[in-house]
């Protein structure tokens, strides 16, 4: 016999033997012989019983998850044969090192080597499934100051039992990825950018928010509230104030972006604010099986069901599937409605700036030329207009009538319908 991918020789017991056991359990299993040198020759060591006790105690106390059911022992007069079967709850790791390369080992040829971060993720995925939020977190050194304060402010108990019920910890007591998202060590962030004008040509300001999703949602509400202007207009004797965006619509859009994105992507949530609109961009597109039209009628299948459950428990959301419908209701009497764009990798919700739309309409109306106004008045008693009708109304020639029609098309005052006729643009 020679050392290979499934066989390891040890002259005597050393504490590092648990690394070999972890490596075999994380790979294809194998056998460790204690009492043989590197060439497979017998190396007699004293007190086999004491050595066996050291091995079993080390495995029981130093390896997580529990690996003892996958390890068996055969004792002879000269050696101890340790048979390690491939485990079903990978990755196995050193309890004092955690789920990182320094604690997770795999078999590579005749050696046991630290697993890469990607290998660890793949093992977790194979064991825990594709559900990101309930998979074991690579980091187990998490704190929950923000979340604990939030529960306390709502007079809701938050202890170990609640962590397990909410799936912040799994049945094995380890923190899940949901725990990471709600912890003070959350690695995902939310980025804000305010642009001058209606394009991404010039920045006015930008900001990035980190920390737990609880901290991010509070900071996001504060930032968006400052960006949501409240201009005043005078109408007769009355002073009218209206935010650029309905406050509740902004709140629902922000919650939607944070709760329903795909956190298996490491990129940030993005909120872009222009003069005429506010964009909420979250990664992941729609959950497979859903279509964009389903959102308008309240059909919902949350990607992060456990995360949504925590926000529901904290009274941030009332019920699943109502957010988009609420947003549409806030724009019910507005000329422009919120827009949803969906790709395979992204979900974009755009809220129109109500004051910008109103100001634009007033400016357009005030800047309408007298000849254009005559044609618009013509539509009060007619559905369509022709070049000949324009000539008659304005007492102009065919070429001038064509130029005026072209001006009104460019200004979106009129449009050409399916039949080639000019009709009023009912915006």
Foldseek 3Di string as FASTA:
>chain_A
DAQWLAEEEAQADDLCVLLVLLQQQQEAWHKYKHQAPRGRHGRADPDPPVRVVVVVVSLCPFKPPRQVVQWDWDDDNGIIMITGGHHLQDNMFTPVPALAQVTGWHGDIRDIHGDHNVSRVVRQCVRVPPQQQLTFDRDQPFAQPLVCVLCVVVVHDDDQVVCDVLSCDDPSRGGGVNVLQRTQNNQAKEKEWEAEADDPPGTPDIDIDDGHVSRRLVVVLVVVVVVFDWDWDDDPPDIDTDTQAPSLLSLLLVCCQVFAADVVDRYYWYWYHYPWKIKTKGWAFADPPDDPVCLQVQDDDGSNVSSVVSCCVSVSDPDHSCSVNVSQVRCVPAPDGWDWDTDRIMIMIMDTRRVVVVVVVVVLVVPDDPLNVQVVVVCVPPFFDDLVNSCVSVVDDSVVSVVVVVVCVVVQQWDQDPVRTIGGRPD
